[in-house]
N, C-alpha and C. Protein backbone atom coordinates (compact mmCIF):
# COMPACT_ATOMS: atom_id res chain seq x y z
N MET A 1 74.06 81.38 91.02
CA MET A 1 74.33 81.59 92.43
C MET A 1 73.09 82.18 93.08
N GLY A 2 72.48 81.41 93.89
CA GLY A 2 71.30 81.88 94.60
C GLY A 2 71.66 82.33 95.99
N VAL A 3 70.64 82.71 96.71
CA VAL A 3 70.83 83.13 98.09
C VAL A 3 71.03 81.87 98.93
N PRO A 4 72.06 81.83 99.76
CA PRO A 4 72.27 80.64 100.58
C PRO A 4 71.12 80.45 101.56
N ARG A 5 70.69 79.19 101.71
CA ARG A 5 69.54 78.91 102.57
C ARG A 5 69.96 78.38 103.93
N ARG A 6 71.16 77.82 103.99
CA ARG A 6 71.67 77.29 105.27
C ARG A 6 73.03 77.91 105.54
N ALA A 7 73.45 77.85 106.78
CA ALA A 7 74.77 78.38 107.14
C ALA A 7 75.86 77.64 106.39
N GLY A 8 75.71 76.37 106.18
CA GLY A 8 76.68 75.57 105.44
C GLY A 8 76.78 76.02 103.99
N ASP A 9 75.66 76.43 103.41
CA ASP A 9 75.66 76.91 102.02
C ASP A 9 76.49 78.19 101.89
N ALA A 10 76.38 79.07 102.87
CA ALA A 10 77.13 80.33 102.83
C ALA A 10 78.61 80.07 102.90
N SER A 11 79.04 79.16 103.77
CA SER A 11 80.47 78.88 103.87
C SER A 11 80.98 78.17 102.62
N GLU A 12 80.17 77.30 102.03
CA GLU A 12 80.56 76.64 100.78
C GLU A 12 80.70 77.66 99.66
N LEU A 13 79.77 78.57 99.58
CA LEU A 13 79.83 79.61 98.56
C LEU A 13 81.08 80.47 98.75
N ARG A 14 81.37 80.84 99.98
CA ARG A 14 82.56 81.64 100.28
C ARG A 14 83.83 80.88 99.89
N LYS A 15 83.88 79.59 100.19
CA LYS A 15 85.04 78.78 99.84
C LYS A 15 85.20 78.68 98.33
N THR A 16 84.10 78.65 97.62
CA THR A 16 84.14 78.56 96.16
C THR A 16 84.58 79.88 95.54
N LEU A 17 84.11 81.00 96.08
CA LEU A 17 84.40 82.30 95.50
C LEU A 17 85.75 82.86 95.90
N LYS A 18 86.31 82.39 97.01
CA LYS A 18 87.56 82.97 97.52
C LYS A 18 88.70 82.90 96.50
N PRO A 19 88.95 81.77 95.84
CA PRO A 19 90.04 81.74 94.85
C PRO A 19 89.80 82.69 93.68
N LEU A 20 88.55 82.83 93.26
CA LEU A 20 88.24 83.75 92.17
C LEU A 20 88.47 85.20 92.57
N MET A 21 88.05 85.54 93.80
CA MET A 21 88.25 86.90 94.28
C MET A 21 89.74 87.20 94.43
N GLU A 22 90.50 86.22 94.92
CA GLU A 22 91.94 86.42 95.08
C GLU A 22 92.62 86.61 93.73
N LYS A 23 92.19 85.85 92.74
CA LYS A 23 92.76 85.98 91.39
C LYS A 23 92.49 87.37 90.83
N ARG A 24 91.28 87.88 91.02
CA ARG A 24 90.93 89.22 90.55
C ARG A 24 91.72 90.29 91.29
N ARG A 25 91.87 90.09 92.62
CA ARG A 25 92.63 91.05 93.42
C ARG A 25 94.07 91.12 92.96
N ARG A 26 94.68 89.97 92.73
CA ARG A 26 96.07 89.94 92.26
C ARG A 26 96.20 90.57 90.87
N ALA A 27 95.21 90.34 90.01
CA ALA A 27 95.23 90.94 88.68
C ALA A 27 95.17 92.46 88.78
N ARG A 28 94.34 92.99 89.68
CA ARG A 28 94.26 94.45 89.87
C ARG A 28 95.57 95.00 90.40
N ILE A 29 96.17 94.31 91.35
CA ILE A 29 97.45 94.76 91.90
C ILE A 29 98.52 94.77 90.82
N ASN A 30 98.59 93.69 90.03
CA ASN A 30 99.59 93.63 88.97
C ASN A 30 99.38 94.71 87.92
N GLU A 31 98.13 95.00 87.59
CA GLU A 31 97.84 96.05 86.62
C GLU A 31 98.29 97.41 87.17
N SER A 32 98.02 97.65 88.45
CA SER A 32 98.44 98.91 89.07
C SER A 32 99.96 99.03 89.09
N LEU A 33 100.65 97.94 89.39
CA LEU A 33 102.12 97.96 89.38
C LEU A 33 102.66 98.23 87.99
N ASN A 34 102.03 97.63 86.98
CA ASN A 34 102.47 97.88 85.60
C ASN A 34 102.25 99.34 85.20
N GLN A 35 101.14 99.93 85.63
CA GLN A 35 100.89 101.34 85.34
C GLN A 35 101.93 102.21 86.04
N LEU A 36 102.24 101.89 87.28
CA LEU A 36 103.23 102.65 88.03
C LEU A 36 104.61 102.54 87.37
N LYS A 37 104.98 101.34 86.95
CA LYS A 37 106.26 101.17 86.25
C LYS A 37 106.29 101.98 84.96
N GLY A 38 105.15 101.99 84.26
CA GLY A 38 105.08 102.75 83.02
C GLY A 38 105.27 104.24 83.24
N LEU A 39 104.88 104.73 84.40
CA LEU A 39 105.05 106.14 84.71
C LEU A 39 106.45 106.46 85.22
N ILE A 40 107.02 105.57 86.02
CA ILE A 40 108.29 105.84 86.67
C ILE A 40 109.49 105.54 85.79
N LEU A 41 109.48 104.41 85.11
CA LEU A 41 110.66 104.01 84.34
C LEU A 41 111.09 105.03 83.29
N PRO A 42 110.16 105.61 82.53
CA PRO A 42 110.62 106.63 81.58
C PRO A 42 111.28 107.83 82.26
N LEU A 43 110.78 108.21 83.42
CA LEU A 43 111.37 109.34 84.14
C LEU A 43 112.77 109.00 84.63
N ILE A 44 112.95 107.80 85.13
CA ILE A 44 114.27 107.38 85.59
C ILE A 44 115.24 107.32 84.42
N GLY A 45 114.78 106.80 83.30
CA GLY A 45 115.63 106.71 82.12
C GLY A 45 116.05 108.09 81.63
N LYS A 46 115.14 109.06 81.62
CA LYS A 46 115.47 110.43 81.20
C LYS A 46 116.46 111.05 82.17
N ASP A 47 116.24 110.82 83.46
CA ASP A 47 117.12 111.38 84.47
C ASP A 47 118.54 110.83 84.32
N ARG A 48 118.66 109.54 84.11
CA ARG A 48 119.99 108.93 83.93
C ARG A 48 120.66 109.46 82.68
N LEU A 49 119.90 109.62 81.61
CA LEU A 49 120.46 110.14 80.37
C LEU A 49 120.95 111.57 80.56
N GLN A 50 120.17 112.39 81.27
CA GLN A 50 120.58 113.77 81.50
C GLN A 50 121.83 113.83 82.37
N ARG A 51 121.92 112.97 83.36
CA ARG A 51 123.11 112.96 84.21
C ARG A 51 124.33 112.52 83.42
N ALA A 52 124.17 111.53 82.56
CA ALA A 52 125.29 111.01 81.78
C ALA A 52 125.83 112.06 80.81
N THR A 53 124.95 112.91 80.29
CA THR A 53 125.37 113.92 79.34
C THR A 53 125.71 115.24 80.02
N GLY A 54 125.52 115.33 81.34
CA GLY A 54 125.85 116.54 82.07
C GLY A 54 124.83 117.65 81.90
N LYS A 55 123.62 117.32 81.51
CA LYS A 55 122.60 118.34 81.28
C LYS A 55 121.91 118.79 82.57
N VAL A 56 122.07 118.05 83.63
CA VAL A 56 121.41 118.38 84.89
C VAL A 56 122.46 118.69 85.93
N THR A 57 122.26 119.77 86.65
CA THR A 57 123.14 120.04 87.78
C THR A 57 122.38 119.72 89.03
N GLY A 58 123.00 119.06 89.93
CA GLY A 58 122.35 118.66 91.16
C GLY A 58 123.15 117.53 91.76
N PRO A 59 122.78 117.14 92.94
CA PRO A 59 123.54 116.09 93.61
C PRO A 59 123.34 114.74 92.94
N ALA A 60 124.38 113.92 92.96
CA ALA A 60 124.21 112.54 92.54
C ALA A 60 123.43 111.85 93.65
N CYS A 61 122.50 111.04 93.30
CA CYS A 61 121.59 110.48 94.30
C CYS A 61 121.67 108.96 94.35
N PRO A 62 122.72 108.40 94.94
CA PRO A 62 122.76 106.95 95.04
C PRO A 62 121.72 106.40 96.00
N ALA A 63 121.28 107.19 96.96
CA ALA A 63 120.31 106.72 97.94
C ALA A 63 118.92 107.28 97.67
N TRP A 64 118.61 107.56 96.42
CA TRP A 64 117.30 108.09 96.07
C TRP A 64 116.22 107.18 96.57
N PRO A 65 115.12 107.66 97.07
CA PRO A 65 114.66 109.03 97.19
C PRO A 65 114.94 109.64 98.56
N ALA A 66 115.44 108.87 99.50
CA ALA A 66 115.54 109.34 100.88
C ALA A 66 116.42 110.58 101.05
N SER A 67 117.57 110.63 100.37
CA SER A 67 118.50 111.72 100.64
C SER A 67 118.54 112.78 99.54
N CYS A 68 117.63 112.74 98.60
CA CYS A 68 117.70 113.64 97.45
C CYS A 68 116.56 114.65 97.44
N PRO A 69 116.85 115.85 96.95
CA PRO A 69 115.76 116.82 96.79
C PRO A 69 114.90 116.43 95.61
N PRO A 70 113.69 116.94 95.53
CA PRO A 70 112.83 116.64 94.39
C PRO A 70 113.48 117.10 93.09
N ALA A 71 113.21 116.39 92.02
CA ALA A 71 113.79 116.70 90.71
C ALA A 71 113.41 118.11 90.26
N ALA A 72 112.26 118.61 90.70
CA ALA A 72 111.82 119.94 90.31
C ALA A 72 112.77 121.02 90.83
N CYS A 73 113.55 120.71 91.87
CA CYS A 73 114.48 121.70 92.43
C CYS A 73 115.79 121.78 91.65
N TRP A 74 116.05 120.79 90.82
CA TRP A 74 117.30 120.79 90.07
C TRP A 74 117.22 121.77 88.92
N THR A 75 118.33 122.32 88.56
CA THR A 75 118.32 123.24 87.43
C THR A 75 118.98 122.59 86.24
N ALA A 76 118.38 122.73 85.11
CA ALA A 76 118.92 122.17 83.87
C ALA A 76 119.79 123.21 83.20
N THR A 77 120.90 122.79 82.63
CA THR A 77 121.76 123.70 81.90
C THR A 77 121.58 123.45 80.42
N SER A 78 121.66 124.49 79.64
CA SER A 78 121.46 124.36 78.20
C SER A 78 122.77 124.21 77.46
């Protein structure tokens, strides 16, 4: 890939690179989503398990996160 010499060369280069850039952008987004899922899903699973066993006292949160206090505010019972 050299430096474009004409205006037409620049637009051709842009048209050629656009699909590659989009593919990389989507790959970065998907990787970020997978990392986020990896962080959130274990926490949700632990929270559901604690609620099922009665280890956590606090409001049931069907409309989480809008109507619920942060999990740090809940008190765990032993």
